[in-house]
């Protein structure tokens, strides 16, 4: 499974989640490293993550590959990233 979401704790309407994103392919387009899972590479839709080395910004989502991605430039690159977020559910 490319993305696992686990509840870490719940307190006063705030939920802390731990995410584990697993990607399998990567490519550089300018300053942006784009990674995706097998499904996104094959169909154009799946788990995608991006990291901009100039700004330090990163994001990940389930959805369409960016239009800047070149379908011929993918390099096999198994990568696992974990991070925590919190969400107000009140």
PDB file of N, CA and C in Angstrom:
ATOM      1  N   UNK A   1       0.839  -1.177   0.000  1.00  0.00           N
ATOM      2  CA  UNK A   1       0.000   0.000   0.000  1.00  0.00           C
ATOM      3  C   UNK A   1       0.881   1.236   0.000  1.00  0.00           C
ATOM      4  N   UNK A   2       0.683   2.139  -0.945  1.00  0.00           N
ATOM      5  CA  UNK A   2       1.542   3.314  -1.043  1.00  0.00           C
ATOM      6  C   UNK A   2       1.427   4.284   0.129  1.00  0.00           C
ATOM      7  N   UNK A   3       0.229   4.410   0.720  1.00  0.00           N
ATOM      8  CA  UNK A   3       0.083   5.337   1.844  1.00  0.00           C
ATOM      9  C   UNK A   3      -0.638   4.644   2.999  1.00  0.00           C
ATOM     10  N   UNK A   4      -0.021   4.738   4.170  1.00  0.00           N
ATOM     11  CA  UNK A   4      -0.648   4.244   5.390  1.00  0.00           C
ATOM     12  C   UNK A   4      -0.886   5.424   6.311  1.00  0.00           C
ATOM     13  N   UNK A   5      -2.060   5.477   6.908  1.00  0.00           N
ATOM     14  CA  UNK A   5      -2.426   6.559   7.819  1.00  0.00           C
ATOM     15  C   UNK A   5      -2.831   5.932   9.150  1.00  0.00           C
ATOM     16  N   UNK A   6      -2.158   6.340  10.235  1.00  0.00           N
ATOM     17  CA  UNK A   6      -2.391   5.782  11.555  1.00  0.00           C
ATOM     18  C   UNK A   6      -2.727   6.901  12.528  1.00  0.00           C
ATOM     19  N   UNK A   7      -3.738   6.686  13.354  1.00  0.00           N
ATOM     20  CA  UNK A   7      -4.066   7.654  14.402  1.00  0.00           C
ATOM     21  C   UNK A   7      -3.099   7.450  15.555  1.00  0.00           C
ATOM     22  N   UNK A   8      -2.397   8.509  15.939  1.00  0.00           N
ATOM     23  CA  UNK A   8      -1.463   8.432  17.059  1.00  0.00           C
ATOM     24  C   UNK A   8      -2.138   8.758  18.383  1.00  0.00           C
ATOM     25  N   UNK A   9      -2.953   9.819  18.383  1.00  0.00           N
ATOM     26  CA  UNK A   9      -3.636  10.215  19.609  1.00  0.00           C
ATOM     27  C   UNK A   9      -4.776  11.167  19.289  1.00  0.00           C
ATOM     28  N   UNK A  10      -5.708  11.236  20.222  1.00  0.00           N
ATOM     29  CA  UNK A  10      -6.853  12.135  20.118  1.00  0.00           C
ATOM     30  C   UNK A  10      -6.994  12.864  21.444  1.00  0.00           C
ATOM     31  N   UNK A  11      -7.024  14.199  21.401  1.00  0.00           N
ATOM     32  CA  UNK A  11      -7.135  14.974  22.627  1.00  0.00           C
ATOM     33  C   UNK A  11      -7.866  16.284  22.340  1.00  0.00           C
ATOM     34  N   UNK A  12      -8.980  16.490  22.998  1.00  0.00           N
ATOM     35  CA  UNK A  12      -9.735  17.749  22.934  1.00  0.00           C
ATOM     36  C   UNK A  12     -10.049  18.184  21.500  1.00  0.00           C
ATOM     37  N   UNK A  13     -10.469  17.241  20.683  1.00  0.00           N
ATOM     38  CA  UNK A  13     -10.860  17.575  19.315  1.00  0.00           C
ATOM     39  C   UNK A  13      -9.716  17.651  18.318  1.00  0.00           C
ATOM     40  N   UNK A  14      -8.510  17.348  18.739  1.00  0.00           N
ATOM     41  CA  UNK A  14      -7.347  17.348  17.850  1.00  0.00           C
ATOM     42  C   UNK A  14      -6.883  15.901  17.668  1.00  0.00           C
ATOM     43  N   UNK A  15      -6.739  15.486  16.416  1.00  0.00           N
ATOM     44  CA  UNK A  15      -6.254  14.139  16.111  1.00  0.00           C
ATOM     45  C   UNK A  15      -4.863  14.252  15.489  1.00  0.00           C
ATOM     46  N   UNK A  16      -3.910  13.500  16.015  1.00  0.00           N
ATOM     47  CA  UNK A  16      -2.567  13.422  15.447  1.00  0.00           C
ATOM     48  C   UNK A  16      -2.484  12.167  14.594  1.00  0.00           C
ATOM     49  N   UNK A  17      -2.055  12.332  13.345  1.00  0.00           N
ATOM     50  CA  UNK A  17      -1.920  11.224  12.413  1.00  0.00           C
ATOM     51  C   UNK A  17      -0.457  11.017  12.052  1.00  0.00           C
ATOM     52  N   UNK A  18      -0.098   9.768  11.823  1.00  0.00           N
ATOM     53  CA  UNK A  18       1.221   9.441  11.275  1.00  0.00           C
ATOM     54  C   UNK A  18       0.999   8.869   9.878  1.00  0.00           C
ATOM     55  N   UNK A  19       1.687   9.429   8.894  1.00  0.00           N
ATOM     56  CA  UNK A  19       1.599   8.967   7.515  1.00  0.00           C
ATOM     57  C   UNK A  19       2.889   8.263   7.124  1.00  0.00           C
ATOM     58  N   UNK A  20       2.740   7.240   6.301  1.00  0.00           N
ATOM     59  CA  UNK A  20       3.889   6.546   5.709  1.00  0.00           C
ATOM     60  C   UNK A  20       3.612   6.455   4.214  1.00  0.00           C
ATOM     61  N   UNK A  21       4.369   7.209   3.424  1.00  0.00           N
ATOM     62  CA  UNK A  21       4.223   7.223   1.966  1.00  0.00           C
ATOM     63  C   UNK A  21       5.346   6.409   1.329  1.00  0.00           C
ATOM     64  N   UNK A  22       4.973   5.492   0.447  1.00  0.00           N
ATOM     65  CA  UNK A  22       5.938   4.641  -0.250  1.00  0.00           C
ATOM     66  C   UNK A  22       5.853   4.918  -1.747  1.00  0.00           C
ATOM     67  N   UNK A  23       6.952   5.387  -2.324  1.00  0.00           N
ATOM     68  CA  UNK A  23       7.004   5.651  -3.763  1.00  0.00           C
ATOM     69  C   UNK A  23       8.056   4.758  -4.406  1.00  0.00           C
ATOM     70  N   UNK A  24       7.946   4.596  -5.734  1.00  0.00           N
ATOM     71  CA  UNK A  24       8.790   3.633  -6.434  1.00  0.00           C
ATOM     72  C   UNK A  24       9.561   4.225  -7.614  1.00  0.00           C
ATOM     73  N   UNK A  25       9.205   5.424  -8.055  1.00  0.00           N
ATOM     74  CA  UNK A  25       9.812   6.040  -9.233  1.00  0.00           C
ATOM     75  C   UNK A  25      10.115   7.498  -8.947  1.00  0.00           C
ATOM     76  N   UNK A  26      11.149   8.051  -9.597  1.00  0.00           N
ATOM     77  CA  UNK A  26      11.530   9.446  -9.370  1.00  0.00           C
ATOM     78  C   UNK A  26      12.056  10.071 -10.655  1.00  0.00           C
ATOM     79  N   UNK A  27      11.958  11.407 -10.711  1.00  0.00           N
ATOM     80  CA  UNK A  27      12.569  12.183 -11.784  1.00  0.00           C
ATOM     81  C   UNK A  27      12.717  13.629 -11.331  1.00  0.00           C
ATOM     82  N   UNK A  28      13.718  14.307 -11.902  1.00  0.00           N
ATOM     83  CA  UNK A  28      13.947  15.727 -11.632  1.00  0.00           C
ATOM     84  C   UNK A  28      13.419  16.537 -12.800  1.00  0.00           C
ATOM     85  N   UNK A  29      12.662  17.581 -12.477  1.00  0.00           N
ATOM     86  CA  UNK A  29      12.228  18.555 -13.484  1.00  0.00           C
ATOM     87  C   UNK A  29      12.600  19.914 -12.922  1.00  0.00           C
ATOM     88  N   UNK A  30      13.690  20.480 -13.415  1.00  0.00           N
ATOM     89  CA  UNK A  30      14.193  21.730 -12.863  1.00  0.00           C
ATOM     90  C   UNK A  30      14.642  21.512 -11.428  1.00  0.00           C
ATOM     91  N   UNK A  31      14.100  22.323 -10.512  1.00  0.00           N
ATOM     92  CA  UNK A  31      14.468  22.231  -9.101  1.00  0.00           C
ATOM     93  C   UNK A  31      13.564  21.291  -8.321  1.00  0.00           C
ATOM     94  N   UNK A  32      12.661  20.601  -9.004  1.00  0.00           N
ATOM     95  CA  UNK A  32      11.655  19.780  -8.315  1.00  0.00           C
ATOM     96  C   UNK A  32      11.912  18.294  -8.536  1.00  0.00           C
ATOM     97  N   UNK A  33      12.049  17.566  -7.423  1.00  0.00           N
ATOM     98  CA  UNK A  33      12.137  16.113  -7.455  1.00  0.00           C
ATOM     99  C   UNK A  33      10.715  15.582  -7.306  1.00  0.00           C
ATOM    100  N   UNK A  34      10.254  14.857  -8.316  1.00  0.00           N
ATOM    101  CA  UNK A  34       8.911  14.275  -8.290  1.00  0.00           C
ATOM    102  C   UNK A  34       9.045  12.776  -8.121  1.00  0.00           C
ATOM    103  N   UNK A  35       8.274  12.233  -7.178  1.00  0.00           N
ATOM    104  CA  UNK A  35       8.244  10.793  -6.939  1.00  0.00           C
ATOM    105  C   UNK A  35       6.815  10.308  -7.092  1.00  0.00           C
ATOM    106  N   UNK A  36       6.653   9.021  -7.485  1.00  0.00           N
ATOM    107  CA  UNK A  36       5.314   8.451  -7.589  1.00  0.00           C
ATOM    108  C   UNK A  36       5.348   6.956  -7.347  1.00  0.00           C
ATOM    109  N   UNK A  37       4.169   6.386  -7.142  1.00  0.00           N
ATOM    110  CA  UNK A  37       4.058   4.939  -6.973  1.00  0.00           C
ATOM    111  C   UNK A  37       3.861   4.281  -8.338  1.00  0.00           C
ATOM    112  N   UNK A  38       3.806   2.945  -8.347  1.00  0.00           N
ATOM    113  CA  UNK A  38       3.650   2.204  -9.603  1.00  0.00           C
ATOM    114  C   UNK A  38       2.367   2.595 -10.341  1.00  0.00           C
ATOM    115  N   UNK A  39       1.282   2.752  -9.592  1.00  0.00           N
ATOM    116  CA  UNK A  39      -0.006   3.067 -10.203  1.00  0.00           C
ATOM    117  C   UNK A  39       0.027   4.422 -10.916  1.00  0.00           C
ATOM    118  N   UNK A  40       0.620   5.423 -10.287  1.00  0.00           N
ATOM    119  CA  UNK A  40       0.692   6.749 -10.901  1.00  0.00           C
ATOM    120  C   UNK A  40       1.550   6.725 -12.163  1.00  0.00           C
ATOM    121  N   UNK A  41       2.635   5.971 -12.143  1.00  0.00           N
ATOM    122  CA  UNK A  41       3.487   5.878 -13.334  1.00  0.00           C
ATOM    123  C   UNK A  41       2.742   5.211 -14.481  1.00  0.00           C
ATOM    124  N   UNK A  42       1.970   4.177 -14.162  1.00  0.00           N
ATOM    125  CA  UNK A  42       1.275   3.415 -15.196  1.00  0.00           C
ATOM    126  C   UNK A  42       0.029   4.129 -15.729  1.00  0.00           C
ATOM    127  N   UNK A  43      -0.769   4.728 -14.822  1.00  0.00           N
ATOM    128  CA  UNK A  43      -2.056   5.296 -15.220  1.00  0.00           C
ATOM    129  C   UNK A  43      -2.092   6.824 -15.224  1.00  0.00           C
ATOM    130  N   UNK A  44      -1.080   7.469 -14.600  1.00  0.00           N
ATOM    131  CA  UNK A  44      -1.092   8.926 -14.497  1.00  0.00           C
ATOM    132  C   UNK A  44      -1.832   9.420 -13.271  1.00  0.00           C
ATOM    133  N   UNK A  45      -2.326   8.493 -12.436  1.00  0.00           N
ATOM    134  CA  UNK A  45      -3.115   8.851 -11.263  1.00  0.00           C
ATOM    135  C   UNK A  45      -2.731   7.936 -10.112  1.00  0.00           C
ATOM    136  N   UNK A  46      -2.283   8.485  -8.982  1.00  0.00           N
ATOM    137  CA  UNK A  46      -1.881   7.680  -7.836  1.00  0.00           C
ATOM    138  C   UNK A  46      -1.227   8.547  -6.782  1.00  0.00           C
ATOM    139  N   UNK A  47      -0.314   7.968  -6.003  1.00  0.00           N
ATOM    140  CA  UNK A  47       0.400   8.709  -4.966  1.00  0.00           C
ATOM    141  C   UNK A  47       1.573   9.452  -5.593  1.00  0.00           C
ATOM    142  N   UNK A  48       1.618  10.756  -5.365  1.00  0.00           N
ATOM    143  CA  UNK A  48       2.661  11.617  -5.929  1.00  0.00           C
ATOM    144  C   UNK A  48       3.244  12.457  -4.796  1.00  0.00           C
ATOM    145  N   UNK A  49       4.551  12.647  -4.799  1.00  0.00           N
ATOM    146  CA  UNK A  49       5.174  13.569  -3.851  1.00  0.00           C
ATOM    147  C   UNK A  49       6.194  14.412  -4.601  1.00  0.00           C
ATOM    148  N   UNK A  50       6.361  15.639  -4.141  1.00  0.00           N
ATOM    149  CA  UNK A  50       7.317  16.555  -4.755  1.00  0.00           C
ATOM    150  C   UNK A  50       8.149  17.242  -3.683  1.00  0.00           C
ATOM    151  N   UNK A  51       9.407  17.511  -4.029  1.00  0.00           N
ATOM    152  CA  UNK A  51      10.313  18.249  -3.161  1.00  0.00           C
ATOM    153  C   UNK A  51      11.069  19.255  -4.018  1.00  0.00           C
ATOM    154  N   UNK A  52      11.012  20.533  -3.634  1.00  0.00           N
ATOM    155  CA  UNK A  52      11.737  21.583  -4.328  1.00  0.00           C
ATOM    156  C   UNK A  52      12.998  21.885  -3.522  1.00  0.00           C
ATOM    157  N   UNK A  53      14.156  21.537  -4.076  1.00  0.00           N
ATOM    158  CA  UNK A  53      15.395  21.703  -3.305  1.00  0.00           C
ATOM    159  C   UNK A  53      15.780  23.167  -3.132  1.00  0.00           C
ATOM    160  N   UNK A  54      15.291  24.070  -3.958  1.00  0.00           N
ATOM    161  CA  UNK A  54      15.621  25.492  -3.794  1.00  0.00           C
ATOM    162  C   UNK A  54      14.829  26.121  -2.647  1.00  0.00           C
ATOM    163  N   UNK A  55      13.547  25.825  -2.570  1.00  0.00           N
ATOM    164  CA  UNK A  55      12.713  26.430  -1.531  1.00  0.00           C
ATOM    165  C   UNK A  55      12.615  25.565  -0.281  1.00  0.00           C
ATOM    166  N   UNK A  56      12.903  24.260  -0.404  1.00  0.00           N
ATOM    167  CA  UNK A  56      12.767  23.350   0.720  1.00  0.00           C
ATOM    168  C   UNK A  56      11.341  22.878   0.928  1.00  0.00           C
ATOM    169  N   UNK A  57      10.427  23.309   0.069  1.00  0.00           N
ATOM    170  CA  UNK A  57       9.027  22.930   0.200  1.00  0.00           C
ATOM    171  C   UNK A  57       8.757  21.535  -0.327  1.00  0.00           C
ATOM    172  N   UNK A  58       7.825  20.848   0.325  1.00  0.00           N
ATOM    173  CA  UNK A  58       7.458  19.514  -0.139  1.00  0.00           C
ATOM    174  C   UNK A  58       5.957  19.325   0.013  1.00  0.00           C
ATOM    175  N   UNK A  59       5.412  18.402  -0.771  1.00  0.00           N
ATOM    176  CA  UNK A  59       3.991  18.069  -0.684  1.00  0.00           C
ATOM    177  C   UNK A  59       3.787  16.669  -1.224  1.00  0.00           C
ATOM    178  N   UNK A  60       2.673  16.056  -0.827  1.00  0.00           N
ATOM    179  CA  UNK A  60       2.310  14.748  -1.366  1.00  0.00           C
ATOM    180  C   UNK A  60       0.796  14.680  -1.449  1.00  0.00           C
ATOM    181  N   UNK A  61       0.310  13.894  -2.394  1.00  0.00           N
ATOM    182  CA  UNK A  61      -1.124  13.798  -2.612  1.00  0.00           C
ATOM    183  C   UNK A  61      -1.466  12.556  -3.417  1.00  0.00           C
ATOM    184  N   UNK A  62      -2.726  12.174  -3.343  1.00  0.00           N
ATOM    185  CA  UNK A  62      -3.286  11.179  -4.248  1.00  0.00           C
ATOM    186  C   UNK A  62      -3.964  11.962  -5.348  1.00  0.00           C
ATOM    187  N   UNK A  63      -3.542  11.753  -6.564  1.00  0.00           N
ATOM    188  CA  UNK A  63      -4.142  12.480  -7.668  1.00  0.00           C
ATOM    189  C   UNK A  63      -3.331  12.315  -8.930  1.00  0.00           C
ATOM    190  N   UNK A  64      -3.522  13.258  -9.816  1.00  0.00           N
ATOM    191  CA  UNK A  64      -2.889  13.242 -11.127  1.00  0.00           C
ATOM    192  C   UNK A  64      -1.420  13.651 -11.039  1.00  0.00           C
ATOM    193  N   UNK A  65      -0.609  13.030 -11.882  1.00  0.00           N
ATOM    194  CA  UNK A  65       0.792  13.454 -11.995  1.00  0.00           C
ATOM    195  C   UNK A  65       0.848  14.883 -12.510  1.00  0.00           C
ATOM    196  N   UNK A  66       1.850  15.664 -12.108  1.00  0.00           N
ATOM    197  CA  UNK A  66       1.990  17.021 -12.642  1.00  0.00           C
ATOM    198  C   UNK A  66       2.202  16.982 -14.160  1.00  0.00           C
ATOM    199  N   UNK A  67       1.730  17.998 -14.846  1.00  0.00           N
ATOM    200  CA  UNK A  67       1.893  18.056 -16.304  1.00  0.00           C
ATOM    201  C   UNK A  67       3.354  18.179 -16.709  1.00  0.00           C
ATOM    202  N   UNK A  68       4.209  18.629 -15.798  1.00  0.00           N
ATOM    203  CA  UNK A  68       5.634  18.767 -16.110  1.00  0.00           C
ATOM    204  C   UNK A  68       6.362  17.429 -16.111  1.00  0.00           C
ATOM    205  N   UNK A  69       5.733  16.373 -15.583  1.00  0.00           N
ATOM    206  CA  UNK A  69       6.383  15.060 -15.527  1.00  0.00           C
ATOM    207  C   UNK A  69       6.489  14.460 -16.930  1.00  0.00           C
ATOM    208  N   UNK A  70       7.684  13.983 -17.257  1.00  0.00           N
ATOM    209  CA  UNK A  70       7.927  13.341 -18.549  1.00  0.00           C
ATOM    210  C   UNK A  70       7.829  11.830 -18.350  1.00  0.00           C
ATOM    211  N   UNK A  71       6.912  11.199 -19.043  1.00  0.00           N
ATOM    212  CA  UNK A  71       6.660   9.769 -18.829  1.00  0.00           C
ATOM    213  C   UNK A  71       7.831   8.882 -19.227  1.00  0.00           C
ATOM    214  N   UNK A  72       8.811   9.413 -19.972  1.00  0.00           N
ATOM    215  CA  UNK A  72       9.967   8.627 -20.404  1.00  0.00           C
ATOM    216  C   UNK A  72      11.178   8.765 -19.480  1.00  0.00           C
ATOM    217  N   UNK A  73      11.128   9.640 -18.500  1.00  0.00           N
ATOM    218  CA  UNK A  73      12.297   9.931 -17.671  1.00  0.00           C
ATOM    219  C   UNK A  73      12.276   9.300 -16.283  1.00  0.00           C
ATOM    220  N   UNK A  74      11.346   8.414 -15.991  1.00  0.00           N
ATOM    221  CA  UNK A  74      11.279   7.827 -14.659  1.00  0.00           C
ATOM    222  C   UNK A  74      12.476   6.920 -14.387  1.00  0.00           C
ATOM    223  N   UNK A  75      13.008   7.010 -13.174  1.00  0.00           N
ATOM    224  CA  UNK A  75      14.106   6.176 -12.705  1.00  0.00           C
ATOM    225  C   UNK A  75      13.587   5.397 -11.502  1.00  0.00           C
ATOM    226  N   UNK A  76      13.855   4.096 -11.463  1.00  0.00           N
ATOM    227  CA  UNK A  76      13.425   3.269 -10.341  1.00  0.00           C
ATOM    228  C   UNK A  76      14.075   3.781  -9.064  1.00  0.00           C
ATOM    229  N   UNK A  77      13.253   4.102  -8.041  1.00  0.00           N
ATOM    230  CA  UNK A  77      13.772   4.678  -6.798  1.00  0.00           C
ATOM    231  C   UNK A  77      12.793   4.391  -5.666  1.00  0.00           C
ATOM    232  N   UNK A  78      13.024   3.316  -4.927  1.00  0.00           N
ATOM    233  CA  UNK A  78      12.170   2.975  -3.795  1.00  0.00           C
ATOM    234  C   UNK A  78      12.454   3.957  -2.668  1.00  0.00           C
ATOM    235  N   UNK A  79      11.395   4.632  -2.168  1.00  0.00           N
ATOM    236  CA  UNK A  79      11.567   5.654  -1.136  1.00  0.00           C
ATOM    237  C   UNK A  79      10.394   5.587  -0.162  1.00  0.00           C
ATOM    238  N   UNK A  80      10.682   5.651   1.130  1.00  0.00           N
ATOM    239  CA  UNK A  80       9.643   5.695   2.158  1.00  0.00           C
ATOM    240  C   UNK A  80       9.828   6.978   2.955  1.00  0.00           C
ATOM    241  N   UNK A  81       8.751   7.724   3.107  1.00  0.00           N
ATOM    242  CA  UNK A  81       8.788   8.952   3.889  1.00  0.00           C
ATOM    243  C   UNK A  81       7.699   8.882   4.947  1.00  0.00           C
ATOM    244  N   UNK A  82       8.054   9.228   6.188  1.00  0.00           N
ATOM    245  CA  UNK A  82       7.071   9.264   7.261  1.00  0.00           C
ATOM    246  C   UNK A  82       6.986  10.686   7.809  1.00  0.00           C
ATOM    247  N   UNK A  83       5.785  11.068   8.191  1.00  0.00           N
ATOM    248  CA  UNK A  83       5.586  12.394   8.768  1.00  0.00           C
ATOM    249  C   UNK A  83       4.315  12.381   9.601  1.00  0.00           C
ATOM    250  N   UNK A  84       4.188  13.364  10.486  1.00  0.00           N
ATOM    251  CA  UNK A  84       3.026  13.485  11.365  1.00  0.00           C
ATOM    252  C   UNK A  84       2.305  14.791  11.089  1.00  0.00           C
ATOM    253  N   UNK A  85       0.976  14.745  11.175  1.00  0.00           N
ATOM    254  CA  UNK A  85       0.148  15.947  11.031  1.00  0.00           C
ATOM    255  C   UNK A  85      -0.913  15.915  12.115  1.00  0.00           C
ATOM    256  N   UNK A  86      -1.551  17.042  12.311  1.00  0.00           N
ATOM    257  CA  UNK A  86      -2.689  17.074  13.221  1.00  0.00           C
ATOM    258  C   UNK A  86      -3.864  17.749  12.545  1.00  0.00           C
ATOM    259  N   UNK A  87      -5.058  17.351  12.969  1.00  0.00           N
ATOM    260  CA  UNK A  87      -6.280  17.841  12.353  1.00  0.00           C
ATOM    261  C   UNK A  87      -7.285  18.166  13.450  1.00  0.00           C
ATOM    262  N   UNK A  88      -7.891  19.335  13.363  1.00  0.00           N
ATOM    263  CA  UNK A  88      -8.952  19.729  14.299  1.00  0.00           C
ATOM    264  C   UNK A  88     -10.253  19.107  13.809  1.00  0.00           C
ATOM    265  N   UNK A  89     -10.851  18.206  14.603  1.00  0.00           N
ATOM    266  CA  UNK A  89     -12.068  17.516  14.202  1.00  0.00           C
ATOM    267  C   UNK A  89     -13.284  17.970  15.022  1.00  0.00           C
ATOM    268  N   UNK A  90     -13.171  19.083  15.726  1.00  0.00           N
ATOM    269  CA  UNK A  90     -14.306  19.565  16.527  1.00  0.00           C
ATOM    270  C   UNK A  90     -15.412  20.127  15.670  1.00  0.00           C
TER     271      UNK A  90
END
